[in-house]
Amino acid sequence: MTGATIDHLVSVTVFLAAIVLFIGLFNQTVQTAIIYQQHRYLASRCSDILDTILLSPGYPINWGKTDTYPTSFGLQDPEFTQYRISPYSLMRLQSVTGTPITYPKTGLTYSNITMGFGNFLLVPYTKAINYSAATKLLGVNNTLGFQLTVTPIITVTITETHASNPLTASVKVYGLGFPLSNATISYCFLKVKASQGNTPLYSSAFGTIFADDEGEATVSFQNVASDESYVLIAYAHLQGLVGIGYHERVTSTKRYVLPLIDSFAQRRVILAHSYDVHYGGPPESAVFFNATFVLLTEDFTLREMPMENSTGKIGKVNYGNGQPYANLTIPTYNPGILIVTYKSNNEDGIVLMPWGMSTMAFPVTFGDRLTDKEWIVTSIRQILVNGIAYQAKLALWSFKGYSVVG
């Protein structure tokens, strides 16, 4: 009798243990299924949000060309449909990359996108759209986080192969892992000329060359000394794919002119002394400048646009006390490149600033950082920014953590 009771108790214990184990395994299976559904939902939301951003211009529809904040967030170019993005709306996105700078003479902090020395895009925080505002306009604040990256598809690399007489440069054009064979390459070459006065004079040349089967081409220029500053800008295009590259050589990287966006609505740019921004200290030498604007045409050639009717084409900026900065007015809303040649203490150079993000193929990274995120989904679209081929990628995550409890 006692043995039967013990067997019965053992059987009940084993049975209860089996039930507990089954419930635990079943619970894990259910949780895994729930998390899978949540991940599918998040992936669907990622695709929908990316399309919302890329297929809507926001409101007002031309907010990228104003100094006001939009009441609805979208990046589509209002003059087109489908995945065509406004180059000006992209300019107003506060960058995640780059160290912000402060300019004491305006008292403002600027979002910083710098692609190496001489290639600047600095937008004041008062004009830039920040991540917090975008999440509220998209209706995902406190629930979802995201990071949007917009990067060029075509890479154009320019390398100086011979320093002078003739100056020779190699241009290489690549797509996503392949050369852009037989591409047409339109270029703009601008050289700072020696001058007796303080105004930095320049000469410009425009032309077209063609890449070989490996996506490479060579261009040369006569009468260029090894100590002269220049910039070479090249646009490569083939069957709808367009990319941009540029290369500069300057004799002074200490004292130079730094362009800062002041007003999108008024097309106004501030030209500042670099020492005032980077606290270079004495000597307090003035920097003289000469500005020009090259326009990107529909056939992807660059043409110089007169700026005689614009204020501040030629002038100087002082460090510290004295003239605080120069004001320059971009003559058009058509995308192009502001080119500023400068001279200080017999040293000179060139700085560039895109007017319309696409003209210099600047990448954009907007949103939160991707560190310490448990689960991230992504969605990708191929887009055009003023005819330039870009790839837009949205990374999305939920603020609610997902994990299976054993």
Protein backbone atom coordinates (compact mmCIF):
# COMPACT_ATOMS: atom_id res chain seq x y z
CA MET A 1 0.00 0.00 0.00
CA THR A 2 2.83 2.37 0.92
CA GLY A 3 4.64 1.56 -2.37
CA ALA A 4 1.55 2.37 -4.40
CA THR A 5 1.19 5.73 -2.65
CA ILE A 6 4.79 6.59 -3.35
CA ASP A 7 4.38 5.63 -7.02
CA HIS A 8 1.29 7.79 -7.20
CA LEU A 9 3.06 10.79 -5.70
CA VAL A 10 6.01 10.34 -8.03
CA SER A 11 3.68 10.14 -11.04
CA VAL A 12 1.85 13.30 -9.99
CA THR A 13 5.16 15.11 -9.47
CA VAL A 14 6.43 14.06 -12.89
CA PHE A 15 3.12 15.06 -14.45
CA LEU A 16 3.16 18.51 -12.84
CA ALA A 17 6.79 19.01 -13.88
CA ALA A 18 5.89 18.08 -17.45
CA ILE A 19 3.00 20.59 -17.43
CA VAL A 20 5.26 23.36 -16.10
CA LEU A 21 7.90 22.57 -18.75
CA PHE A 22 5.26 22.52 -21.49
CA ILE A 23 3.81 25.85 -20.35
CA GLY A 24 7.31 27.37 -20.36
CA LEU A 25 8.05 26.10 -23.87
CA PHE A 26 4.61 27.17 -25.09
CA ASN A 27 5.10 30.63 -23.54
CA GLN A 28 8.42 31.04 -25.37
CA THR A 29 6.81 30.00 -28.64
CA VAL A 30 3.97 32.47 -28.17
CA GLN A 31 6.37 35.29 -27.26
CA THR A 32 8.55 34.52 -30.28
CA ALA A 33 5.46 34.65 -32.51
CA ILE A 34 4.39 37.96 -30.97
CA ILE A 35 7.87 39.47 -31.43
CA TYR A 36 7.91 38.25 -35.05
CA GLN A 37 4.62 40.03 -35.68
CA GLN A 38 5.94 43.17 -33.98
CA HIS A 39 9.04 43.08 -36.18
CA ARG A 40 6.91 42.67 -39.30
CA TYR A 41 4.78 45.60 -38.22
CA LEU A 42 7.91 47.71 -37.60
CA ALA A 43 9.28 46.79 -41.06
CA SER A 44 5.96 47.82 -42.63
CA ARG A 45 5.99 51.10 -40.69
CA CYS A 46 9.56 51.77 -41.84
CA SER A 47 8.57 51.45 -45.50
CA ASP A 48 5.47 53.60 -44.99
CA ILE A 49 7.35 56.35 -43.13
CA LEU A 50 10.09 56.46 -45.77
CA ASP A 51 7.49 56.84 -48.52
CA THR A 52 5.74 59.53 -46.48
CA ILE A 53 9.01 61.48 -46.28
CA LEU A 54 10.01 61.00 -49.93
CA LEU A 55 6.61 61.25 -51.65
CA SER A 56 5.34 64.36 -49.87
CA PRO A 57 6.80 67.88 -50.12
CA GLY A 58 5.49 68.77 -46.66
CA TYR A 59 3.71 72.03 -45.96
CA PRO A 60 4.28 74.71 -47.03
CA ILE A 61 5.33 72.86 -50.15
CA ASN A 62 8.31 75.22 -50.69
CA TRP A 63 9.47 75.25 -47.06
CA GLY A 64 13.03 74.36 -48.14
CA LYS A 65 13.35 77.81 -49.73
CA THR A 66 12.03 79.68 -46.69
CA ASP A 67 13.27 80.46 -43.21
CA THR A 68 10.12 79.16 -41.51
CA TYR A 69 9.47 75.74 -39.97
CA PRO A 70 7.15 73.38 -41.87
CA THR A 71 3.88 72.21 -40.33
CA SER A 72 4.11 68.93 -42.24
CA PHE A 73 7.38 67.09 -42.90
CA GLY A 74 8.33 65.84 -46.37
CA LEU A 75 11.28 66.15 -48.75
CA GLN A 76 9.76 65.70 -52.21
CA ASP A 77 10.48 68.41 -54.76
CA PRO A 78 7.11 70.20 -55.16
CA GLU A 79 7.75 70.68 -58.88
CA PHE A 80 7.93 66.92 -59.55
CA THR A 81 6.32 63.62 -58.63
CA GLN A 82 7.62 60.22 -57.52
CA TYR A 83 11.02 59.94 -55.83
CA ARG A 84 12.39 63.35 -56.75
CA ILE A 85 13.69 65.23 -53.73
CA SER A 86 14.12 68.95 -53.09
CA PRO A 87 17.82 69.90 -52.83
CA TYR A 88 16.86 72.84 -50.59
CA SER A 89 14.81 70.83 -48.09
CA LEU A 90 17.83 68.54 -47.68
CA MET A 91 20.00 71.59 -46.92
CA ARG A 92 17.77 72.46 -43.97
CA LEU A 93 18.12 69.12 -42.17
CA GLN A 94 20.27 69.32 -39.05
CA SER A 95 23.23 67.01 -39.57
CA VAL A 96 24.08 64.17 -37.18
CA THR A 97 27.65 64.05 -38.48
CA GLY A 98 30.13 66.87 -38.18
CA THR A 99 30.92 69.00 -35.15
CA PRO A 100 28.64 72.06 -34.82
CA ILE A 101 30.43 75.41 -34.85
CA THR A 102 29.61 78.70 -33.16
CA TYR A 103 30.23 82.07 -34.78
CA PRO A 104 30.54 84.71 -32.03
CA LYS A 105 29.74 87.65 -34.31
CA THR A 106 26.23 86.34 -34.97
CA GLY A 107 25.92 84.42 -31.70
CA LEU A 108 24.57 81.40 -33.60
CA THR A 109 25.47 77.72 -33.71
CA TYR A 110 25.67 76.10 -37.13
CA SER A 111 24.98 72.55 -38.28
CA ASN A 112 28.17 71.41 -39.96
CA ILE A 113 28.52 69.32 -43.10
CA THR A 114 32.15 69.53 -44.24
CA MET A 115 33.55 67.29 -46.96
CA GLY A 116 37.21 68.02 -46.37
CA PHE A 117 38.87 71.42 -46.35
CA GLY A 118 37.25 73.97 -48.61
CA ASN A 119 33.92 72.16 -49.05
CA PHE A 120 31.51 73.59 -46.51
CA LEU A 121 27.80 73.69 -45.75
CA LEU A 122 27.01 75.47 -42.48
CA VAL A 123 23.36 76.13 -41.62
CA PRO A 124 22.25 77.94 -38.42
CA TYR A 125 20.26 75.87 -35.96
CA THR A 126 17.59 78.57 -36.07
CA LYS A 127 16.97 77.68 -39.74
CA ALA A 128 17.66 73.92 -39.60
CA ILE A 129 14.96 71.30 -38.95
CA ASN A 130 15.97 69.20 -35.96
CA TYR A 131 15.20 65.56 -35.24
CA SER A 132 12.76 66.28 -32.42
CA ALA A 133 10.61 68.52 -34.62
CA ALA A 134 10.61 65.94 -37.43
CA THR A 135 9.40 63.12 -35.14
CA LYS A 136 6.51 65.28 -33.96
CA LEU A 137 5.53 66.23 -37.50
CA LEU A 138 5.65 62.56 -38.53
CA GLY A 139 3.64 61.51 -35.48
CA VAL A 140 6.24 59.04 -34.14
CA ASN A 141 7.63 60.98 -31.17
CA ASN A 142 8.00 58.92 -27.98
CA THR A 143 7.14 55.72 -29.88
CA LEU A 144 9.60 55.26 -32.76
CA GLY A 145 13.10 56.53 -33.49
CA PHE A 146 14.76 56.85 -36.88
CA GLN A 147 17.81 57.88 -38.83
CA LEU A 148 17.60 58.95 -42.48
CA THR A 149 20.72 58.80 -44.66
CA VAL A 150 20.85 60.14 -48.21
CA THR A 151 24.05 59.23 -50.06
CA PRO A 152 25.21 59.56 -53.69
CA ILE A 153 25.15 56.41 -55.82
CA ILE A 154 27.90 57.49 -58.23
CA THR A 155 31.40 58.28 -56.95
CA VAL A 156 33.68 60.58 -58.92
CA THR A 157 37.29 60.67 -57.70
CA ILE A 158 39.75 63.28 -58.97
CA THR A 159 43.48 62.79 -58.40
CA GLU A 160 46.25 65.18 -59.39
CA THR A 161 48.84 63.20 -61.36
CA HIS A 162 51.14 66.04 -62.50
CA ALA A 163 51.51 69.30 -60.56
CA SER A 164 52.27 71.84 -63.30
CA ASN A 165 52.82 72.70 -66.95
CA PRO A 166 50.68 70.94 -67.75
CA LEU A 167 48.61 70.29 -64.66
CA THR A 168 47.17 66.79 -65.17
CA ALA A 169 44.37 65.10 -63.27
CA SER A 170 42.84 61.63 -63.43
CA VAL A 171 39.05 61.34 -63.13
CA LYS A 172 37.58 57.96 -62.10
CA VAL A 173 33.85 57.24 -62.12
CA TYR A 174 32.31 54.34 -60.19
CA GLY A 175 28.81 53.14 -59.43
CA LEU A 176 27.85 50.64 -56.75
CA GLY A 177 30.82 48.32 -57.22
CA PHE A 178 31.33 48.87 -60.96
CA PRO A 179 32.96 51.52 -63.18
CA LEU A 180 30.73 53.84 -65.19
CA SER A 181 32.15 52.94 -68.60
CA ASN A 182 32.11 55.55 -71.38
CA ALA A 183 30.51 58.18 -69.15
CA THR A 184 30.42 61.80 -70.30
CA ILE A 185 32.32 64.06 -67.90
CA SER A 186 31.65 67.81 -67.85
CA TYR A 187 34.14 69.86 -65.87
CA CYS A 188 34.76 73.34 -64.50
CA PHE A 189 38.34 74.40 -63.81
CA LEU A 190 38.95 77.57 -61.81
CA LYS A 191 42.46 78.86 -61.03
CA VAL A 192 43.53 81.69 -58.74
CA LYS A 193 45.77 84.03 -60.72
CA ALA A 194 48.71 86.00 -59.39
CA SER A 195 47.75 89.64 -58.84
CA GLN A 196 49.55 92.77 -57.64
CA GLY A 197 46.66 94.00 -55.50
CA ASN A 198 44.70 92.37 -52.72
CA THR A 199 41.77 91.16 -54.82
CA PRO A 200 42.25 87.47 -55.71
CA LEU A 201 41.67 87.20 -59.44
CA TYR A 202 40.78 83.94 -61.14
CA SER A 203 40.41 82.36 -64.55
CA SER A 204 37.92 79.66 -65.48
CA ALA A 205 37.68 76.97 -68.13
CA PHE A 206 34.85 74.58 -69.01
CA GLY A 207 34.92 71.46 -71.12
CA THR A 208 33.83 67.86 -71.69
CA ILE A 209 35.82 64.61 -71.70
CA PHE A 210 34.82 60.94 -71.94
CA ALA A 211 35.64 58.01 -69.68
CA ASP A 212 37.11 54.79 -71.07
CA ASP A 213 35.81 51.24 -70.50
CA GLU A 214 37.19 51.30 -66.96
CA GLY A 215 35.48 54.57 -66.10
CA GLU A 216 38.66 56.65 -66.21
CA ALA A 217 39.62 59.84 -68.07
CA THR A 218 42.47 62.34 -68.02
CA VAL A 219 42.29 66.11 -68.31
CA SER A 220 45.18 68.59 -68.48
CA PHE A 221 45.59 72.37 -68.23
CA GLN A 222 48.44 74.54 -69.47
CA ASN A 223 50.08 77.46 -67.68
CA VAL A 224 49.44 76.23 -64.14
CA ALA A 225 52.35 76.53 -61.70
CA SER A 226 52.89 74.08 -58.86
CA ASP A 227 52.27 76.79 -56.24
CA GLU A 228 49.00 78.08 -57.72
CA SER A 229 45.62 77.32 -56.14
CA TYR A 230 42.81 75.79 -58.18
CA VAL A 231 39.64 73.71 -58.03
CA LEU A 232 38.46 71.13 -60.54
CA ILE A 233 34.77 70.11 -60.46
CA ALA A 234 33.55 67.21 -62.61
CA TYR A 235 30.05 65.91 -63.36
CA ALA A 236 29.88 62.39 -64.82
CA HIS A 237 26.64 61.20 -66.40
CA LEU A 238 25.51 58.12 -68.31
CA GLN A 239 21.96 56.94 -69.05
CA GLY A 240 20.33 58.78 -66.19
CA LEU A 241 23.08 58.16 -63.62
CA VAL A 242 24.90 61.29 -62.53
CA GLY A 243 27.74 61.80 -60.04
CA ILE A 244 29.96 64.67 -58.90
CA GLY A 245 33.55 64.97 -57.78
CA TYR A 246 35.90 67.84 -57.00
CA HIS A 247 39.53 68.41 -56.10
CA GLU A 248 41.23 71.50 -54.69
CA ARG A 249 44.78 72.68 -54.19
CA VAL A 250 45.34 75.73 -52.00
CA THR A 251 48.41 77.52 -50.61
CA SER A 252 46.71 78.68 -47.40
CA THR A 253 44.55 76.59 -45.05
CA LYS A 254 44.97 78.86 -42.01
CA ARG A 255 43.35 82.16 -42.96
CA TYR A 256 40.43 81.77 -45.32
CA VAL A 257 36.84 82.80 -45.93
CA LEU A 258 34.16 80.59 -44.39
CA PRO A 259 30.66 80.74 -45.98
CA LEU A 260 27.70 80.50 -43.59
CA ILE A 261 24.05 80.31 -44.65
CA ASP A 262 22.21 83.33 -43.26
CA SER A 263 18.80 83.25 -44.98
CA PHE A 264 17.24 80.79 -47.41
CA ALA A 265 14.37 83.13 -48.21
CA GLN A 266 16.70 86.03 -49.04
CA ARG A 267 19.38 83.74 -50.57
CA ARG A 268 21.88 85.44 -48.28
CA VAL A 269 25.25 83.99 -47.26
CA ILE A 270 27.66 85.34 -44.65
CA LEU A 271 31.38 85.27 -45.44
CA ALA A 272 33.35 85.04 -42.19
CA HIS A 273 37.04 85.16 -41.28
CA SER A 274 38.13 81.61 -40.37
CA TYR A 275 39.96 82.82 -37.24
CA ASP A 276 36.69 84.14 -35.80
CA VAL A 277 35.16 80.66 -36.06
CA HIS A 278 38.16 78.52 -35.15
CA TYR A 279 39.76 80.99 -32.71
CA GLY A 280 43.03 81.10 -34.59
CA GLY A 281 44.47 84.02 -32.66
CA PRO A 282 46.93 86.61 -33.98
CA PRO A 283 48.04 87.78 -36.46
CA GLU A 284 44.85 89.65 -37.27
CA SER A 285 45.34 89.69 -41.04
CA ALA A 286 42.36 90.51 -43.22
CA VAL A 287 41.24 88.00 -45.85
CA PHE A 288 40.30 89.39 -49.27
CA PHE A 289 37.82 87.47 -51.41
CA ASN A 290 36.29 87.31 -54.87
CA ALA A 291 33.06 85.31 -55.25
CA THR A 292 31.51 83.67 -58.28
CA PHE A 293 28.52 81.40 -58.83
CA VAL A 294 28.44 78.53 -61.30
CA LEU A 295 25.07 77.20 -62.39
CA LEU A 296 24.32 73.53 -63.00
CA THR A 297 22.40 73.32 -66.27
CA GLU A 298 19.95 70.64 -67.40
CA ASP A 299 22.64 68.90 -69.48
CA PHE A 300 24.89 68.79 -66.38
CA THR A 301 27.36 71.37 -67.55
CA LEU A 302 28.56 74.21 -65.35
CA ARG A 303 28.18 77.81 -66.47
CA GLU A 304 29.35 80.90 -64.68
CA MET A 305 26.50 83.20 -63.70
CA PRO A 306 27.21 86.92 -63.36
CA MET A 307 26.92 88.34 -59.85
CA GLU A 308 27.37 92.01 -60.65
CA ASN A 309 23.88 92.80 -59.35
CA SER A 310 24.53 90.87 -56.13
CA THR A 311 25.99 92.48 -53.04
CA GLY A 312 29.39 91.49 -51.73
CA LYS A 313 31.00 89.90 -54.79
CA ILE A 314 34.41 91.39 -53.97
CA GLY A 315 35.56 92.51 -50.54
CA LYS A 316 37.41 91.57 -47.36
CA VAL A 317 36.71 90.24 -43.88
CA ASN A 318 38.59 91.12 -40.70
CA TYR A 319 39.44 89.07 -37.65
CA GLY A 320 38.34 90.35 -34.25
CA ASN A 321 37.34 94.00 -34.24
CA GLY A 322 36.43 95.90 -37.35
CA GLN A 323 34.20 94.77 -40.19
CA PRO A 324 32.33 91.79 -38.70
CA TYR A 325 31.63 89.82 -41.87
CA ALA A 326 30.57 90.21 -45.49
CA ASN A 327 27.09 89.59 -46.89
CA LEU A 328 26.67 87.90 -50.25
CA THR A 329 23.42 87.32 -52.14
CA ILE A 330 23.06 84.21 -54.32
CA PRO A 331 21.58 85.50 -57.62
CA THR A 332 19.14 82.61 -58.21
CA TYR A 333 17.21 79.72 -56.68
CA ASN A 334 18.54 77.41 -59.38
CA PRO A 335 21.02 74.90 -57.91
CA GLY A 336 24.69 75.72 -58.33
CA ILE A 337 27.96 76.16 -56.48
CA LEU A 338 29.23 79.27 -54.71
CA ILE A 339 32.98 79.53 -55.37
CA VAL A 340 34.98 81.98 -53.26
CA THR A 341 38.64 82.67 -54.00
CA TYR A 342 40.57 84.29 -51.15
CA LYS A 343 43.93 85.88 -50.47
CA SER A 344 45.78 86.81 -47.27
CA ASN A 345 49.47 87.68 -46.81
CA ASN A 346 50.31 86.54 -50.36
CA GLU A 347 48.69 83.15 -49.72
CA ASP A 348 45.50 82.16 -51.45
CA GLY A 349 42.96 79.41 -51.97
CA ILE A 350 39.39 78.48 -52.89
CA VAL A 351 36.37 77.39 -50.87
CA LEU A 352 33.13 75.91 -52.19
CA MET A 353 29.56 75.81 -50.90
CA PRO A 354 26.65 74.00 -52.59
CA TRP A 355 23.50 75.99 -53.25
CA GLY A 356 21.14 73.05 -53.39
CA MET A 357 22.53 69.92 -51.71
CA SER A 358 22.95 67.90 -54.91
CA THR A 359 25.34 70.22 -56.75
CA MET A 360 28.30 68.91 -54.74
CA ALA A 361 26.86 65.46 -53.93
CA PHE A 362 26.97 66.10 -50.20
CA PRO A 363 25.58 63.17 -48.18
CA VAL A 364 22.96 63.80 -45.49
CA THR A 365 22.57 61.97 -42.18
CA PHE A 366 19.52 63.12 -40.22
CA GLY A 367 17.93 61.76 -37.06
CA ASP A 368 19.14 59.93 -33.97
CA ARG A 369 22.35 57.90 -33.63
CA LEU A 370 22.23 54.13 -34.12
CA THR A 371 24.15 53.12 -31.00
CA ASP A 372 22.56 50.94 -28.27
CA LYS A 373 19.46 50.05 -30.30
CA GLU A 374 18.11 46.52 -29.69
CA TRP A 375 16.35 45.98 -33.02
CA ILE A 376 16.59 48.12 -36.16
CA VAL A 377 14.77 47.66 -39.46
CA THR A 378 15.74 49.47 -42.67
CA SER A 379 14.12 50.42 -45.94
CA ILE A 380 15.85 51.73 -49.08
CA ARG A 381 14.75 53.79 -52.10
CA GLN A 382 16.60 55.08 -55.15
CA ILE A 383 15.92 58.78 -55.58
CA LEU A 384 16.90 61.78 -57.71
CA VAL A 385 17.94 65.11 -56.20
CA ASN A 386 17.87 67.68 -59.00
CA GLY A 387 18.78 64.89 -61.41
CA ILE A 388 21.64 63.51 -59.27
CA ALA A 389 21.33 59.82 -58.32
CA TYR A 390 21.10 59.20 -54.56
CA GLN A 391 20.09 56.34 -52.30
CA ALA A 392 17.78 57.07 -49.36
CA LYS A 393 17.91 54.67 -46.40
CA LEU A 394 15.68 54.85 -43.34
CA ALA A 395 16.64 53.00 -40.16
CA LEU A 396 13.73 52.63 -37.71
CA TRP A 397 13.40 51.22 -34.21
CA SER A 398 10.85 51.07 -31.42
CA PHE A 399 11.34 52.51 -27.95
CA LYS A 400 9.62 49.38 -26.59
CA GLY A 401 12.18 46.63 -26.01
CA TYR A 402 11.63 43.15 -27.44
CA SER A 403 12.91 40.00 -25.74
CA VAL A 404 11.78 36.43 -25.07
CA VAL A 405 11.31 35.65 -21.39
CA GLY A 406 12.18 32.01 -20.58
